[in-house]
Amino acid sequence: MNTDNLLQLFQNGFRVAIGSATQLAETLQNPQTTTETWNRLTQNPTQFAQDLAEKGAKTEQEARQAVDRLWQQQNPSEVTITTTATAVTPDAQAELQDLMAQLKALRSEIAQLRQQRQA
């Protein structure tokens, strides 16, 4: 299994767990939604899991933003750096392409070593 796929699997599982916890909290706050939630789960479990993953991703993003705000309040002297897309100089572009080529070569070498180890 590819390590990227494994990482995505764990990340998706984490988000489904966070989404489940969020859904449970919402259901406890509004018990009338219990039947609706149960129906969604039993009618289309795959879609329900995808919905939970999306809810988990949104909750994760909101939590990160909340932590960032708290961190800024605790450390007002620190400056938050926001990155935006900007024009890249030719030298930086060439260096980036060189690094990408090196990364591609390393990935290829790792794949070859894994195949040799499995053989």
N, C-alpha and C. Protein backbone atom coordinates (compact mmCIF):
# COMPACT_ATOMS: atom_id res chain seq x y z
N MET A 1 0.85 -1.18 0.00
CA MET A 1 0.00 0.00 0.00
C MET A 1 0.89 1.24 0.00
N ASN A 2 0.54 2.19 -0.80
CA ASN A 2 1.27 3.44 -0.91
C ASN A 2 1.17 4.22 0.40
N THR A 3 2.26 4.85 0.83
CA THR A 3 2.24 5.59 2.10
C THR A 3 1.29 6.78 2.02
N ASP A 4 1.15 7.38 0.84
CA ASP A 4 0.20 8.48 0.69
C ASP A 4 -1.23 7.99 0.90
N ASN A 5 -1.53 6.81 0.34
CA ASN A 5 -2.87 6.23 0.52
C ASN A 5 -3.11 5.89 1.98
N LEU A 6 -2.09 5.38 2.65
CA LEU A 6 -2.22 5.03 4.06
C LEU A 6 -2.46 6.28 4.90
N LEU A 7 -1.72 7.33 4.59
CA LEU A 7 -1.89 8.60 5.30
C LEU A 7 -3.30 9.14 5.07
N GLN A 8 -3.78 9.08 3.84
CA GLN A 8 -5.12 9.56 3.53
C GLN A 8 -6.18 8.72 4.26
N LEU A 9 -5.93 7.42 4.36
CA LEU A 9 -6.85 6.53 5.07
C LEU A 9 -6.94 6.93 6.54
N PHE A 10 -5.79 7.14 7.17
CA PHE A 10 -5.79 7.54 8.57
C PHE A 10 -6.42 8.91 8.76
N GLN A 11 -6.11 9.84 7.86
CA GLN A 11 -6.68 11.17 7.97
C GLN A 11 -8.19 11.12 7.80
N ASN A 12 -8.67 10.33 6.84
CA ASN A 12 -10.10 10.20 6.64
C ASN A 12 -10.76 9.55 7.86
N GLY A 13 -10.11 8.52 8.41
CA GLY A 13 -10.64 7.88 9.62
C GLY A 13 -10.72 8.85 10.78
N PHE A 14 -9.68 9.67 10.92
CA PHE A 14 -9.68 10.69 11.98
C PHE A 14 -10.84 11.66 11.78
N ARG A 15 -11.02 12.08 10.54
CA ARG A 15 -12.10 13.04 10.27
C ARG A 15 -13.47 12.42 10.47
N VAL A 16 -13.64 11.14 10.13
CA VAL A 16 -14.91 10.46 10.39
C VAL A 16 -15.16 10.40 11.89
N ALA A 17 -14.11 10.13 12.67
CA ALA A 17 -14.25 10.07 14.13
C ALA A 17 -14.64 11.44 14.68
N ILE A 18 -13.99 12.48 14.21
CA ILE A 18 -14.33 13.85 14.65
C ILE A 18 -15.75 14.19 14.22
N GLY A 19 -16.11 13.84 12.99
CA GLY A 19 -17.47 14.09 12.51
C GLY A 19 -18.50 13.33 13.32
N SER A 20 -18.16 12.10 13.71
CA SER A 20 -19.07 11.30 14.54
C SER A 20 -19.28 11.95 15.90
N ALA A 21 -18.19 12.42 16.49
CA ALA A 21 -18.30 13.09 17.79
C ALA A 21 -19.13 14.36 17.67
N THR A 22 -18.94 15.09 16.59
CA THR A 22 -19.71 16.30 16.37
C THR A 22 -21.19 15.96 16.17
N GLN A 23 -21.44 14.92 15.37
CA GLN A 23 -22.83 14.49 15.13
C GLN A 23 -23.48 14.05 16.44
N LEU A 24 -22.75 13.32 17.27
CA LEU A 24 -23.28 12.89 18.56
C LEU A 24 -23.62 14.09 19.44
N ALA A 25 -22.73 15.07 19.48
CA ALA A 25 -23.00 16.26 20.28
C ALA A 25 -24.24 17.00 19.77
N GLU A 26 -24.36 17.11 18.44
CA GLU A 26 -25.54 17.77 17.87
C GLU A 26 -26.81 16.99 18.17
N THR A 27 -26.73 15.67 18.13
CA THR A 27 -27.90 14.83 18.42
C THR A 27 -28.29 14.95 19.89
N LEU A 28 -27.31 15.01 20.78
CA LEU A 28 -27.62 15.16 22.20
C LEU A 28 -28.24 16.52 22.49
N GLN A 29 -27.85 17.54 21.74
CA GLN A 29 -28.42 18.86 21.93
C GLN A 29 -29.83 18.95 21.35
N ASN A 30 -30.12 18.13 20.34
CA ASN A 30 -31.43 18.15 19.69
C ASN A 30 -31.87 16.71 19.46
N PRO A 31 -32.47 16.08 20.48
CA PRO A 31 -32.85 14.66 20.36
C PRO A 31 -33.82 14.36 19.22
N GLN A 32 -34.50 15.35 18.69
CA GLN A 32 -35.44 15.12 17.60
C GLN A 32 -34.73 14.66 16.33
N THR A 33 -33.45 14.90 16.22
CA THR A 33 -32.70 14.52 15.02
C THR A 33 -32.21 13.07 15.08
N THR A 34 -32.43 12.37 16.18
CA THR A 34 -31.96 11.00 16.33
C THR A 34 -32.50 10.10 15.23
N THR A 35 -33.80 10.17 14.99
CA THR A 35 -34.43 9.32 13.98
C THR A 35 -33.89 9.65 12.59
N GLU A 36 -33.76 10.92 12.31
CA GLU A 36 -33.23 11.33 11.00
C GLU A 36 -31.79 10.82 10.81
N THR A 37 -30.98 10.95 11.84
CA THR A 37 -29.60 10.47 11.76
C THR A 37 -29.56 8.97 11.56
N TRP A 38 -30.37 8.25 12.31
CA TRP A 38 -30.41 6.79 12.19
C TRP A 38 -30.84 6.37 10.79
N ASN A 39 -31.85 7.05 10.24
CA ASN A 39 -32.32 6.74 8.89
C ASN A 39 -31.23 6.97 7.84
N ARG A 40 -30.51 8.08 7.98
CA ARG A 40 -29.41 8.35 7.03
C ARG A 40 -28.35 7.27 7.13
N LEU A 41 -28.05 6.84 8.35
CA LEU A 41 -27.03 5.81 8.55
C LEU A 41 -27.45 4.48 7.94
N THR A 42 -28.69 4.08 8.14
CA THR A 42 -29.14 2.77 7.66
C THR A 42 -29.43 2.76 6.17
N GLN A 43 -29.87 3.88 5.61
CA GLN A 43 -30.21 3.92 4.19
C GLN A 43 -28.99 3.97 3.28
N ASN A 44 -27.98 4.73 3.67
CA ASN A 44 -26.79 4.85 2.83
C ASN A 44 -25.57 5.07 3.72
N PRO A 45 -25.02 3.99 4.27
CA PRO A 45 -23.90 4.14 5.21
C PRO A 45 -22.66 4.77 4.58
N THR A 46 -22.41 4.51 3.31
CA THR A 46 -21.23 5.09 2.66
C THR A 46 -21.35 6.60 2.57
N GLN A 47 -22.50 7.07 2.14
CA GLN A 47 -22.73 8.52 2.05
C GLN A 47 -22.69 9.14 3.44
N PHE A 48 -23.24 8.44 4.42
CA PHE A 48 -23.24 8.94 5.79
C PHE A 48 -21.81 9.09 6.29
N ALA A 49 -20.95 8.12 5.99
CA ALA A 49 -19.54 8.19 6.39
C ALA A 49 -18.85 9.37 5.69
N GLN A 50 -19.17 9.59 4.42
CA GLN A 50 -18.60 10.73 3.70
C GLN A 50 -19.06 12.04 4.32
N ASP A 51 -20.33 12.10 4.70
CA ASP A 51 -20.85 13.30 5.36
C ASP A 51 -20.14 13.54 6.69
N LEU A 52 -19.91 12.45 7.43
CA LEU A 52 -19.18 12.58 8.70
C LEU A 52 -17.75 13.05 8.47
N ALA A 53 -17.10 12.55 7.42
CA ALA A 53 -15.74 12.98 7.11
C ALA A 53 -15.71 14.47 6.75
N GLU A 54 -16.68 14.92 6.00
CA GLU A 54 -16.76 16.35 5.64
C GLU A 54 -17.01 17.19 6.89
N LYS A 55 -17.91 16.72 7.75
CA LYS A 55 -18.19 17.42 9.00
C LYS A 55 -16.94 17.45 9.87
N GLY A 56 -16.21 16.35 9.89
CA GLY A 56 -14.97 16.28 10.66
C GLY A 56 -13.91 17.22 10.12
N ALA A 57 -13.80 17.32 8.79
CA ALA A 57 -12.83 18.23 8.18
C ALA A 57 -13.17 19.68 8.52
N LYS A 58 -14.46 19.99 8.48
CA LYS A 58 -14.89 21.35 8.82
C LYS A 58 -14.61 21.64 10.29
N THR A 59 -14.91 20.68 11.16
CA THR A 59 -14.66 20.86 12.59
C THR A 59 -13.16 21.00 12.86
N GLU A 60 -12.36 20.20 12.15
CA GLU A 60 -10.90 20.28 12.29
C GLU A 60 -10.40 21.67 11.91
N GLN A 61 -10.90 22.20 10.80
CA GLN A 61 -10.50 23.53 10.34
C GLN A 61 -10.93 24.59 11.35
N GLU A 62 -12.15 24.49 11.87
CA GLU A 62 -12.62 25.45 12.86
C GLU A 62 -11.78 25.39 14.14
N ALA A 63 -11.41 24.17 14.54
CA ALA A 63 -10.58 24.02 15.73
C ALA A 63 -9.20 24.63 15.52
N ARG A 64 -8.63 24.42 14.35
CA ARG A 64 -7.32 25.02 14.05
C ARG A 64 -7.39 26.54 14.11
N GLN A 65 -8.45 27.10 13.55
CA GLN A 65 -8.62 28.56 13.57
C GLN A 65 -8.78 29.06 15.01
N ALA A 66 -9.53 28.32 15.82
CA ALA A 66 -9.72 28.71 17.21
C ALA A 66 -8.40 28.67 17.98
N VAL A 67 -7.62 27.62 17.75
CA VAL A 67 -6.31 27.51 18.41
C VAL A 67 -5.40 28.64 17.94
N ASP A 68 -5.42 28.96 16.66
CA ASP A 68 -4.60 30.06 16.15
C ASP A 68 -4.99 31.38 16.81
N ARG A 69 -6.30 31.62 16.95
CA ARG A 69 -6.75 32.85 17.60
C ARG A 69 -6.31 32.90 19.05
N LEU A 70 -6.45 31.78 19.76
CA LEU A 70 -6.01 31.73 21.15
C LEU A 70 -4.51 31.97 21.26
N TRP A 71 -3.77 31.37 20.34
CA TRP A 71 -2.31 31.52 20.34
C TRP A 71 -1.94 32.99 20.13
N GLN A 72 -2.64 33.65 19.23
CA GLN A 72 -2.36 35.07 18.97
C GLN A 72 -2.69 35.92 20.19
N GLN A 73 -3.75 35.57 20.89
CA GLN A 73 -4.12 36.33 22.09
C GLN A 73 -3.08 36.14 23.19
N GLN A 74 -2.52 34.93 23.29
CA GLN A 74 -1.52 34.65 24.31
C GLN A 74 -0.15 35.24 23.95
N ASN A 75 0.14 35.36 22.67
CA ASN A 75 1.43 35.84 22.19
C ASN A 75 1.23 36.97 21.19
N PRO A 76 0.75 38.13 21.65
CA PRO A 76 0.44 39.21 20.70
C PRO A 76 1.68 39.78 20.01
N SER A 77 2.86 39.57 20.58
CA SER A 77 4.06 40.13 19.96
C SER A 77 4.48 39.35 18.72
N GLU A 78 4.02 38.10 18.63
CA GLU A 78 4.37 37.30 17.47
C GLU A 78 3.50 37.69 16.29
N VAL A 79 4.06 37.64 15.13
CA VAL A 79 3.36 38.02 13.91
C VAL A 79 2.95 36.75 13.17
N THR A 80 1.70 36.70 12.74
CA THR A 80 1.24 35.58 11.95
C THR A 80 1.58 35.86 10.49
N ILE A 81 2.18 34.88 9.86
CA ILE A 81 2.56 35.03 8.47
C ILE A 81 1.53 34.29 7.62
N THR A 82 0.93 35.02 6.72
CA THR A 82 -0.04 34.44 5.82
C THR A 82 0.60 34.36 4.44
N THR A 83 0.57 33.18 3.86
CA THR A 83 1.17 33.04 2.54
C THR A 83 0.11 33.19 1.48
N THR A 84 0.49 33.83 0.41
CA THR A 84 -0.40 33.98 -0.73
C THR A 84 0.38 33.67 -1.98
N ALA A 85 -0.32 33.38 -3.03
CA ALA A 85 0.34 33.09 -4.30
C ALA A 85 0.92 34.39 -4.86
N THR A 86 2.21 34.34 -5.18
CA THR A 86 2.87 35.51 -5.75
C THR A 86 3.69 35.07 -6.95
N ALA A 87 4.16 36.04 -7.68
CA ALA A 87 5.01 35.74 -8.83
C ALA A 87 6.32 35.15 -8.33
N VAL A 88 6.82 34.16 -9.03
CA VAL A 88 8.04 33.47 -8.65
C VAL A 88 9.16 33.92 -9.57
N THR A 89 10.30 34.22 -8.98
CA THR A 89 11.44 34.62 -9.80
C THR A 89 11.95 33.43 -10.59
N PRO A 90 12.61 33.68 -11.72
CA PRO A 90 13.13 32.57 -12.53
C PRO A 90 14.10 31.68 -11.75
N ASP A 91 14.94 32.28 -10.89
CA ASP A 91 15.87 31.48 -10.09
C ASP A 91 15.12 30.56 -9.13
N ALA A 92 14.10 31.10 -8.49
CA ALA A 92 13.31 30.29 -7.55
C ALA A 92 12.57 29.19 -8.31
N GLN A 93 12.07 29.52 -9.48
CA GLN A 93 11.36 28.53 -10.28
C GLN A 93 12.30 27.40 -10.68
N ALA A 94 13.52 27.75 -11.09
CA ALA A 94 14.50 26.74 -11.49
C ALA A 94 14.87 25.86 -10.29
N GLU A 95 15.04 26.50 -9.13
CA GLU A 95 15.38 25.73 -7.93
C GLU A 95 14.23 24.80 -7.55
N LEU A 96 13.01 25.29 -7.65
CA LEU A 96 11.84 24.47 -7.35
C LEU A 96 11.75 23.28 -8.30
N GLN A 97 11.99 23.51 -9.57
CA GLN A 97 11.95 22.41 -10.53
C GLN A 97 13.06 21.39 -10.23
N ASP A 98 14.24 21.88 -9.83
CA ASP A 98 15.33 20.99 -9.48
C ASP A 98 14.96 20.15 -8.26
N LEU A 99 14.37 20.79 -7.25
CA LEU A 99 13.96 20.05 -6.05
C LEU A 99 12.87 19.03 -6.37
N MET A 100 11.95 19.40 -7.26
CA MET A 100 10.90 18.46 -7.64
C MET A 100 11.49 17.26 -8.38
N ALA A 101 12.49 17.51 -9.23
CA ALA A 101 13.15 16.42 -9.94
C ALA A 101 13.87 15.50 -8.96
N GLN A 102 14.52 16.10 -7.95
CA GLN A 102 15.20 15.30 -6.94
C GLN A 102 14.20 14.46 -6.15
N LEU A 103 13.07 15.08 -5.81
CA LEU A 103 12.03 14.36 -5.07
C LEU A 103 11.48 13.21 -5.90
N LYS A 104 11.27 13.44 -7.18
CA LYS A 104 10.78 12.39 -8.07
C LYS A 104 11.78 11.25 -8.14
N ALA A 105 13.07 11.59 -8.23
CA ALA A 105 14.11 10.56 -8.29
C ALA A 105 14.16 9.76 -6.99
N LEU A 106 14.02 10.46 -5.86
CA LEU A 106 14.02 9.76 -4.57
C LEU A 106 12.82 8.83 -4.45
N ARG A 107 11.67 9.29 -4.87
CA ARG A 107 10.48 8.42 -4.82
C ARG A 107 10.66 7.19 -5.69
N SER A 108 11.23 7.39 -6.86
CA SER A 108 11.49 6.27 -7.76
C SER A 108 12.47 5.30 -7.14
N GLU A 109 13.51 5.83 -6.52
CA GLU A 109 14.51 4.98 -5.87
C GLU A 109 13.89 4.20 -4.71
N ILE A 110 13.05 4.85 -3.94
CA ILE A 110 12.37 4.17 -2.83
C ILE A 110 11.48 3.05 -3.35
N ALA A 111 10.75 3.33 -4.44
CA ALA A 111 9.88 2.30 -5.02
C ALA A 111 10.71 1.11 -5.50
N GLN A 112 11.84 1.39 -6.12
CA GLN A 112 12.71 0.31 -6.59
C GLN A 112 13.25 -0.50 -5.43
N LEU A 113 13.64 0.16 -4.35
CA LEU A 113 14.16 -0.55 -3.17
C LEU A 113 13.07 -1.42 -2.53
N ARG A 114 11.85 -0.90 -2.51
CA ARG A 114 10.75 -1.69 -1.96
C ARG A 114 10.50 -2.93 -2.81
N GLN A 115 10.55 -2.76 -4.13
CA GLN A 115 10.33 -3.90 -5.03
C GLN A 115 11.44 -4.92 -4.85
N GLN A 116 12.66 -4.48 -4.69
CA GLN A 116 13.78 -5.39 -4.49
C GLN A 116 13.65 -6.13 -3.17
N ARG A 117 13.19 -5.43 -2.15
CA ARG A 117 13.03 -6.04 -0.83
C ARG A 117 11.90 -7.07 -0.85
N GLN A 118 10.85 -6.80 -1.62
CA GLN A 118 9.72 -7.73 -1.68
C GLN A 118 10.04 -8.94 -2.56
N ALA A 119 10.97 -8.79 -3.47
CA ALA A 119 11.30 -9.89 -4.40
C ALA A 119 12.17 -10.95 -3.74
